[in-house]
Amino acid sequence: MAGANREFTPNQVFVGLPWKNVRSKYERIIQKLEKKYPLYFTIVGRDDGQDAKALFEVIKGRIGSSSYAVFDATGGNANVSLDRALALKLVKALGGKGKIRRAELVQRLQADDYSEDEIDTMLQGLHSAGVLKCTVGKYSDAYVA
């Protein structure tokens, strides 16, 4: 995994996990592993005080500086899996159309059992990443950027 021009920490293992659900179990296991093997495990989460965007940057930095990475996507953790299924469905619903009313897009995804909060979070994330343009409002449109 180590690229020729990439700075990384030998034997550092990034662990991506559901922060609220299983972090304490991983911390106990990590303590045992670090005593037995010459490894350093790093996990990152909201307890570090970052907002979502800053947290994502810290996560990317830690992954990039690690020799290895392990991800636990149990339960569809958004920070671990980035909810690719919803993102793909959203982009597919936009596919081939210049623009679509945001309300229509939300209704289509709600029919697939996604909550409005999940859809809004994904729309905001894709908008922030420059993948699509979308605003909130009764007559707002969504379209691929």
N, C-alpha and C. Protein backbone atom coordinates (compact mmCIF):
# COMPACT_ATOMS: atom_id res chain seq x y z
N MET A 1 0.82 -1.19 0.00
CA MET A 1 0.00 0.00 0.00
C MET A 1 0.86 1.25 0.00
N ALA A 2 2.03 1.18 0.50
CA ALA A 2 2.87 2.36 0.60
C ALA A 2 3.37 2.79 -0.77
N GLY A 3 3.02 4.01 -1.17
CA GLY A 3 3.48 4.55 -2.44
C GLY A 3 4.87 5.15 -2.27
N ALA A 4 5.57 5.32 -3.36
CA ALA A 4 6.94 5.81 -3.31
C ALA A 4 7.04 7.21 -2.71
N ASN A 5 6.06 8.07 -2.95
CA ASN A 5 6.12 9.45 -2.48
C ASN A 5 5.23 9.72 -1.27
N ARG A 6 4.68 8.68 -0.67
CA ARG A 6 3.73 8.86 0.42
C ARG A 6 4.43 8.65 1.75
N GLU A 7 4.24 9.61 2.67
CA GLU A 7 4.77 9.49 4.03
C GLU A 7 3.80 8.64 4.83
N PHE A 8 4.29 7.59 5.49
CA PHE A 8 3.42 6.77 6.32
C PHE A 8 4.19 6.29 7.53
N THR A 9 3.43 5.83 8.51
CA THR A 9 4.02 5.33 9.74
C THR A 9 4.07 3.81 9.68
N PRO A 10 5.27 3.22 9.69
CA PRO A 10 5.37 1.76 9.66
C PRO A 10 4.61 1.14 10.84
N ASN A 11 3.90 0.09 10.56
CA ASN A 11 3.14 -0.68 11.56
C ASN A 11 1.95 0.07 12.15
N GLN A 12 1.56 1.19 11.55
CA GLN A 12 0.34 1.89 12.01
C GLN A 12 -0.85 1.30 11.26
N VAL A 13 -1.89 0.96 12.02
CA VAL A 13 -3.10 0.38 11.46
C VAL A 13 -4.27 1.32 11.76
N PHE A 14 -4.89 1.86 10.71
CA PHE A 14 -6.09 2.67 10.90
C PHE A 14 -7.27 1.73 11.06
N VAL A 15 -8.12 2.00 12.04
CA VAL A 15 -9.32 1.18 12.27
C VAL A 15 -10.54 2.06 12.12
N GLY A 16 -11.34 1.80 11.09
CA GLY A 16 -12.60 2.50 10.89
C GLY A 16 -13.71 1.64 11.45
N LEU A 17 -14.51 2.21 12.34
CA LEU A 17 -15.52 1.40 13.04
C LEU A 17 -16.73 2.25 13.43
N PRO A 18 -17.85 1.57 13.72
CA PRO A 18 -19.02 2.28 14.24
C PRO A 18 -18.67 2.88 15.60
N TRP A 19 -18.48 4.18 15.67
CA TRP A 19 -17.92 4.87 16.82
C TRP A 19 -18.71 4.65 18.09
N LYS A 20 -20.00 4.84 18.04
CA LYS A 20 -20.81 4.76 19.26
C LYS A 20 -21.07 3.33 19.71
N ASN A 21 -21.17 2.41 18.75
CA ASN A 21 -21.62 1.05 19.08
C ASN A 21 -20.54 0.13 19.62
N VAL A 22 -19.38 0.10 18.97
CA VAL A 22 -18.41 -0.93 19.31
C VAL A 22 -17.01 -0.40 19.65
N ARG A 23 -16.86 0.90 19.73
CA ARG A 23 -15.54 1.46 19.99
C ARG A 23 -14.88 0.86 21.23
N SER A 24 -15.62 0.75 22.32
CA SER A 24 -15.03 0.25 23.57
C SER A 24 -14.51 -1.18 23.41
N LYS A 25 -15.21 -2.01 22.64
CA LYS A 25 -14.73 -3.38 22.40
C LYS A 25 -13.43 -3.36 21.62
N TYR A 26 -13.36 -2.51 20.60
CA TYR A 26 -12.13 -2.41 19.81
C TYR A 26 -10.97 -1.89 20.67
N GLU A 27 -11.25 -0.92 21.52
CA GLU A 27 -10.19 -0.37 22.37
C GLU A 27 -9.60 -1.44 23.28
N ARG A 28 -10.44 -2.32 23.83
CA ARG A 28 -9.95 -3.41 24.68
C ARG A 28 -9.09 -4.38 23.87
N ILE A 29 -9.54 -4.72 22.69
CA ILE A 29 -8.78 -5.64 21.83
C ILE A 29 -7.47 -5.00 21.39
N ILE A 30 -7.52 -3.72 21.04
CA ILE A 30 -6.32 -3.01 20.60
C ILE A 30 -5.26 -2.99 21.70
N GLN A 31 -5.67 -2.76 22.94
CA GLN A 31 -4.71 -2.77 24.05
C GLN A 31 -3.97 -4.10 24.14
N LYS A 32 -4.70 -5.18 23.97
CA LYS A 32 -4.08 -6.51 24.02
C LYS A 32 -3.14 -6.73 22.84
N LEU A 33 -3.58 -6.33 21.65
CA LEU A 33 -2.75 -6.52 20.45
C LEU A 33 -1.47 -5.69 20.50
N GLU A 34 -1.58 -4.46 20.99
CA GLU A 34 -0.39 -3.59 21.05
C GLU A 34 0.65 -4.11 22.05
N LYS A 35 0.20 -4.83 23.09
CA LYS A 35 1.14 -5.41 24.04
C LYS A 35 1.87 -6.61 23.44
N LYS A 36 1.19 -7.31 22.55
CA LYS A 36 1.73 -8.54 22.00
C LYS A 36 2.50 -8.34 20.69
N TYR A 37 2.09 -7.36 19.89
CA TYR A 37 2.68 -7.16 18.56
C TYR A 37 3.21 -5.73 18.41
N PRO A 38 4.21 -5.52 17.57
CA PRO A 38 4.76 -4.17 17.36
C PRO A 38 3.88 -3.35 16.40
N LEU A 39 2.65 -3.13 16.81
CA LEU A 39 1.69 -2.39 15.99
C LEU A 39 1.14 -1.20 16.77
N TYR A 40 0.76 -0.18 16.02
CA TYR A 40 0.08 0.97 16.61
C TYR A 40 -1.24 1.12 15.88
N PHE A 41 -2.35 1.07 16.63
CA PHE A 41 -3.68 1.20 16.04
C PHE A 41 -4.19 2.61 16.27
N THR A 42 -4.79 3.20 15.25
CA THR A 42 -5.35 4.53 15.39
C THR A 42 -6.81 4.52 14.96
N ILE A 43 -7.65 5.09 15.82
CA ILE A 43 -9.07 5.26 15.50
C ILE A 43 -9.41 6.73 15.71
N VAL A 44 -10.37 7.21 14.95
CA VAL A 44 -10.74 8.62 15.00
C VAL A 44 -12.26 8.71 15.10
N GLY A 45 -12.73 9.66 15.89
CA GLY A 45 -14.17 9.85 16.01
C GLY A 45 -14.52 11.21 16.54
N ARG A 46 -15.79 11.43 16.72
CA ARG A 46 -16.30 12.73 17.15
C ARG A 46 -15.78 13.18 18.50
N ASP A 47 -15.32 12.28 19.33
CA ASP A 47 -14.78 12.70 20.62
C ASP A 47 -13.56 13.59 20.47
N ASP A 48 -12.96 13.57 19.26
CA ASP A 48 -11.82 14.43 19.00
C ASP A 48 -12.24 15.88 18.77
N GLY A 49 -13.55 16.17 18.77
CA GLY A 49 -14.07 17.53 18.72
C GLY A 49 -14.21 18.17 17.35
N GLN A 50 -14.07 17.41 16.26
CA GLN A 50 -14.17 18.01 14.93
C GLN A 50 -15.62 18.09 14.47
N ASP A 51 -15.89 19.07 13.57
CA ASP A 51 -17.17 19.03 12.87
C ASP A 51 -17.03 17.96 11.79
N ALA A 52 -18.11 17.64 11.08
CA ALA A 52 -18.10 16.53 10.12
C ALA A 52 -17.03 16.68 9.04
N LYS A 53 -16.89 17.88 8.50
CA LYS A 53 -15.91 18.09 7.42
C LYS A 53 -14.49 17.94 7.95
N ALA A 54 -14.20 18.53 9.09
CA ALA A 54 -12.87 18.42 9.69
C ALA A 54 -12.57 16.97 10.08
N LEU A 55 -13.59 16.28 10.61
CA LEU A 55 -13.43 14.88 10.98
C LEU A 55 -13.06 14.05 9.76
N PHE A 56 -13.72 14.29 8.64
CA PHE A 56 -13.43 13.55 7.42
C PHE A 56 -11.98 13.79 6.97
N GLU A 57 -11.52 15.03 7.09
CA GLU A 57 -10.14 15.34 6.72
C GLU A 57 -9.14 14.62 7.62
N VAL A 58 -9.44 14.55 8.93
CA VAL A 58 -8.57 13.83 9.86
C VAL A 58 -8.55 12.35 9.51
N ILE A 59 -9.71 11.79 9.21
CA ILE A 59 -9.80 10.38 8.84
C ILE A 59 -8.96 10.11 7.60
N LYS A 60 -9.11 10.95 6.56
CA LYS A 60 -8.33 10.77 5.33
C LYS A 60 -6.83 10.85 5.62
N GLY A 61 -6.44 11.79 6.46
CA GLY A 61 -5.03 11.93 6.82
C GLY A 61 -4.49 10.71 7.54
N ARG A 62 -5.26 10.19 8.48
CA ARG A 62 -4.81 9.02 9.24
C ARG A 62 -4.74 7.77 8.35
N ILE A 63 -5.71 7.62 7.45
CA ILE A 63 -5.66 6.49 6.53
C ILE A 63 -4.42 6.60 5.66
N GLY A 64 -4.19 7.79 5.14
CA GLY A 64 -3.04 8.00 4.27
C GLY A 64 -1.71 7.79 4.95
N SER A 65 -1.63 8.03 6.25
CA SER A 65 -0.37 7.88 6.96
C SER A 65 -0.21 6.49 7.57
N SER A 66 -1.21 5.64 7.41
CA SER A 66 -1.14 4.29 7.98
C SER A 66 -0.57 3.29 6.98
N SER A 67 0.05 2.26 7.51
CA SER A 67 0.56 1.17 6.67
C SER A 67 -0.57 0.25 6.24
N TYR A 68 -1.57 0.13 7.10
CA TYR A 68 -2.70 -0.77 6.86
C TYR A 68 -3.97 -0.10 7.36
N ALA A 69 -5.11 -0.63 6.91
CA ALA A 69 -6.40 -0.13 7.38
C ALA A 69 -7.37 -1.30 7.49
N VAL A 70 -8.19 -1.24 8.53
CA VAL A 70 -9.24 -2.24 8.76
C VAL A 70 -10.53 -1.47 8.95
N PHE A 71 -11.60 -1.92 8.27
CA PHE A 71 -12.88 -1.24 8.38
C PHE A 71 -13.96 -2.21 8.82
N ASP A 72 -14.73 -1.80 9.80
CA ASP A 72 -15.90 -2.56 10.26
C ASP A 72 -17.12 -1.79 9.80
N ALA A 73 -17.79 -2.29 8.78
CA ALA A 73 -18.97 -1.61 8.22
C ALA A 73 -20.26 -2.19 8.77
N THR A 74 -20.20 -2.88 9.89
CA THR A 74 -21.38 -3.46 10.52
C THR A 74 -22.42 -2.38 10.77
N GLY A 75 -23.64 -2.62 10.37
CA GLY A 75 -24.72 -1.68 10.62
C GLY A 75 -24.77 -0.52 9.66
N GLY A 76 -23.98 -0.54 8.60
CA GLY A 76 -24.03 0.53 7.61
C GLY A 76 -23.57 1.87 8.14
N ASN A 77 -22.58 1.88 9.02
CA ASN A 77 -22.06 3.13 9.57
C ASN A 77 -21.70 4.09 8.46
N ALA A 78 -22.26 5.29 8.51
CA ALA A 78 -22.07 6.26 7.43
C ALA A 78 -20.62 6.65 7.23
N ASN A 79 -19.87 6.84 8.31
CA ASN A 79 -18.47 7.23 8.17
C ASN A 79 -17.60 6.09 7.67
N VAL A 80 -18.04 4.85 7.87
CA VAL A 80 -17.26 3.72 7.41
C VAL A 80 -17.65 3.34 5.99
N SER A 81 -18.94 3.21 5.74
CA SER A 81 -19.38 2.76 4.42
C SER A 81 -19.69 3.92 3.48
N LEU A 82 -19.86 5.12 4.02
CA LEU A 82 -20.24 6.31 3.26
C LEU A 82 -21.54 6.11 2.50
N ASP A 83 -22.32 5.14 2.91
CA ASP A 83 -23.63 4.82 2.36
C ASP A 83 -23.65 4.88 0.84
N ARG A 84 -22.80 4.05 0.24
CA ARG A 84 -22.69 4.04 -1.22
C ARG A 84 -24.00 3.70 -1.90
N ALA A 85 -24.81 2.81 -1.29
CA ALA A 85 -26.05 2.41 -1.94
C ALA A 85 -26.96 3.61 -2.15
N LEU A 86 -27.13 4.43 -1.12
CA LEU A 86 -27.98 5.62 -1.25
C LEU A 86 -27.39 6.60 -2.27
N ALA A 87 -26.08 6.81 -2.20
CA ALA A 87 -25.44 7.73 -3.15
C ALA A 87 -25.65 7.25 -4.59
N LEU A 88 -25.49 5.96 -4.82
CA LEU A 88 -25.67 5.42 -6.17
C LEU A 88 -27.11 5.56 -6.64
N LYS A 89 -28.06 5.28 -5.75
CA LYS A 89 -29.48 5.43 -6.11
C LYS A 89 -29.81 6.88 -6.43
N LEU A 90 -29.23 7.78 -5.66
CA LEU A 90 -29.47 9.20 -5.87
C LEU A 90 -28.94 9.65 -7.23
N VAL A 91 -27.71 9.29 -7.52
CA VAL A 91 -27.11 9.68 -8.80
C VAL A 91 -27.85 9.00 -9.96
N LYS A 92 -28.26 7.75 -9.77
CA LYS A 92 -29.02 7.04 -10.81
C LYS A 92 -30.35 7.74 -11.08
N ALA A 93 -31.01 8.21 -10.02
CA ALA A 93 -32.29 8.92 -10.20
C ALA A 93 -32.10 10.21 -10.99
N LEU A 94 -30.91 10.80 -10.89
CA LEU A 94 -30.60 12.02 -11.64
C LEU A 94 -30.16 11.72 -13.06
N GLY A 95 -29.67 10.51 -13.28
CA GLY A 95 -29.05 10.14 -14.56
C GLY A 95 -29.94 10.41 -15.76
N GLY A 96 -29.33 10.99 -16.79
CA GLY A 96 -30.02 11.22 -18.05
C GLY A 96 -30.93 12.43 -18.06
N LYS A 97 -31.09 13.08 -16.94
CA LYS A 97 -31.96 14.25 -16.86
C LYS A 97 -31.12 15.48 -16.60
N GLY A 98 -31.49 16.58 -17.19
CA GLY A 98 -30.78 17.81 -16.91
C GLY A 98 -30.96 18.23 -15.47
N LYS A 99 -32.22 18.28 -15.05
CA LYS A 99 -32.56 18.66 -13.68
C LYS A 99 -33.77 17.86 -13.23
N ILE A 100 -33.90 17.73 -11.94
CA ILE A 100 -35.07 17.10 -11.36
C ILE A 100 -35.45 17.91 -10.13
N ARG A 101 -36.74 18.04 -9.90
CA ARG A 101 -37.17 18.73 -8.69
C ARG A 101 -36.67 17.97 -7.48
N ARG A 102 -36.14 18.70 -6.53
CA ARG A 102 -35.60 18.08 -5.32
C ARG A 102 -36.68 17.27 -4.61
N ALA A 103 -37.89 17.79 -4.54
CA ALA A 103 -38.99 17.09 -3.87
C ALA A 103 -39.29 15.75 -4.54
N GLU A 104 -39.23 15.71 -5.86
CA GLU A 104 -39.46 14.46 -6.59
C GLU A 104 -38.34 13.46 -6.30
N LEU A 105 -37.12 13.95 -6.26
CA LEU A 105 -35.97 13.10 -5.95
C LEU A 105 -36.11 12.50 -4.55
N VAL A 106 -36.48 13.32 -3.59
CA VAL A 106 -36.65 12.85 -2.21
C VAL A 106 -37.75 11.79 -2.15
N GLN A 107 -38.87 12.02 -2.86
CA GLN A 107 -39.97 11.05 -2.87
C GLN A 107 -39.53 9.71 -3.45
N ARG A 108 -38.77 9.74 -4.53
CA ARG A 108 -38.29 8.49 -5.14
C ARG A 108 -37.44 7.69 -4.16
N LEU A 109 -36.58 8.38 -3.44
CA LEU A 109 -35.70 7.69 -2.51
C LEU A 109 -36.44 7.24 -1.25
N GLN A 110 -37.44 8.00 -0.84
CA GLN A 110 -38.26 7.58 0.30
C GLN A 110 -39.01 6.29 -0.03
N ALA A 111 -39.36 6.10 -1.29
CA ALA A 111 -40.03 4.87 -1.72
C ALA A 111 -39.11 3.66 -1.53
N ASP A 112 -37.80 3.89 -1.48
CA ASP A 112 -36.82 2.83 -1.22
C ASP A 112 -36.49 2.71 0.26
N ASP A 113 -37.34 3.29 1.12
CA ASP A 113 -37.22 3.20 2.58
C ASP A 113 -36.08 4.00 3.18
N TYR A 114 -35.67 5.09 2.52
CA TYR A 114 -34.70 6.01 3.12
C TYR A 114 -35.49 7.14 3.78
N SER A 115 -35.01 7.59 4.94
CA SER A 115 -35.69 8.69 5.62
C SER A 115 -35.29 10.01 4.97
N GLU A 116 -36.09 11.02 5.19
CA GLU A 116 -35.78 12.33 4.63
C GLU A 116 -34.46 12.87 5.19
N ASP A 117 -34.19 12.57 6.47
CA ASP A 117 -32.92 13.00 7.07
C ASP A 117 -31.73 12.35 6.39
N GLU A 118 -31.82 11.04 6.11
CA GLU A 118 -30.73 10.34 5.42
C GLU A 118 -30.51 10.93 4.03
N ILE A 119 -31.59 11.20 3.33
CA ILE A 119 -31.52 11.76 1.98
C ILE A 119 -30.91 13.16 2.02
N ASP A 120 -31.38 13.99 2.96
CA ASP A 120 -30.84 15.35 3.09
C ASP A 120 -29.35 15.33 3.39
N THR A 121 -28.94 14.44 4.29
CA THR A 121 -27.52 14.33 4.64
C THR A 121 -26.71 13.95 3.41
N MET A 122 -27.20 12.99 2.64
CA MET A 122 -26.47 12.56 1.44
C MET A 122 -26.44 13.68 0.40
N LEU A 123 -27.56 14.37 0.21
CA LEU A 123 -27.59 15.49 -0.74
C LEU A 123 -26.60 16.57 -0.34
N GLN A 124 -26.56 16.89 0.94
CA GLN A 124 -25.62 17.90 1.43
C GLN A 124 -24.18 17.45 1.20
N GLY A 125 -23.91 16.19 1.48
CA GLY A 125 -22.56 15.66 1.30
C GLY A 125 -22.12 15.69 -0.16
N LEU A 126 -23.01 15.27 -1.06
CA LEU A 126 -22.68 15.28 -2.48
C LEU A 126 -22.57 16.70 -3.02
N HIS A 127 -23.40 17.59 -2.49
CA HIS A 127 -23.31 19.00 -2.88
C HIS A 127 -21.98 19.59 -2.42
N SER A 128 -21.61 19.33 -1.17
CA SER A 128 -20.34 19.84 -0.63
C SER A 128 -19.14 19.30 -1.38
N ALA A 129 -19.25 18.04 -1.85
CA ALA A 129 -18.15 17.41 -2.58
C ALA A 129 -18.11 17.85 -4.04
N GLY A 130 -19.11 18.63 -4.47
CA GLY A 130 -19.13 19.12 -5.84
C GLY A 130 -19.66 18.11 -6.85
N VAL A 131 -20.30 17.04 -6.36
CA VAL A 131 -20.83 16.02 -7.26
C VAL A 131 -22.15 16.48 -7.88
N LEU A 132 -22.97 17.16 -7.08
CA LEU A 132 -24.23 17.67 -7.60
C LEU A 132 -24.52 19.03 -7.01
N LYS A 133 -25.46 19.69 -7.63
CA LYS A 133 -25.92 20.98 -7.13
C LYS A 133 -27.35 20.79 -6.65
N CYS A 134 -27.62 21.30 -5.47
CA CYS A 134 -28.94 21.12 -4.88
C CYS A 134 -29.13 22.14 -3.77
N THR A 135 -30.34 22.67 -3.69
CA THR A 135 -30.69 23.57 -2.59
C THR A 135 -31.97 23.08 -1.95
N VAL A 136 -32.28 23.61 -0.81
CA VAL A 136 -33.51 23.26 -0.11
C VAL A 136 -34.57 24.29 -0.48
N GLY A 137 -35.79 23.85 -0.67
CA GLY A 137 -36.89 24.75 -0.97
C GLY A 137 -37.95 24.06 -1.79
N LYS A 138 -39.13 24.65 -1.79
CA LYS A 138 -40.28 24.04 -2.45
C LYS A 138 -40.04 23.84 -3.94
N TYR A 139 -39.38 24.77 -4.60
CA TYR A 139 -39.19 24.68 -6.05
C TYR A 139 -37.72 24.47 -6.45
N SER A 140 -36.92 23.95 -5.52
CA SER A 140 -35.50 23.77 -5.83
C SER A 140 -35.30 22.56 -6.72
N ASP A 141 -34.21 22.58 -7.48
CA ASP A 141 -33.85 21.51 -8.38
C ASP A 141 -32.58 20.84 -7.88
N ALA A 142 -32.33 19.65 -8.39
CA ALA A 142 -31.08 18.95 -8.15
C ALA A 142 -30.56 18.52 -9.51
N TYR A 143 -29.24 18.62 -9.70
CA TYR A 143 -28.65 18.19 -10.96
C TYR A 143 -27.18 17.86 -10.75
N VAL A 144 -26.66 17.00 -11.62
CA VAL A 144 -25.26 16.62 -11.55
C VAL A 144 -24.41 17.82 -11.89
N ALA A 145 -23.41 18.10 -11.06
CA ALA A 145 -22.56 19.28 -11.26
C ALA A 145 -21.65 19.13 -12.47
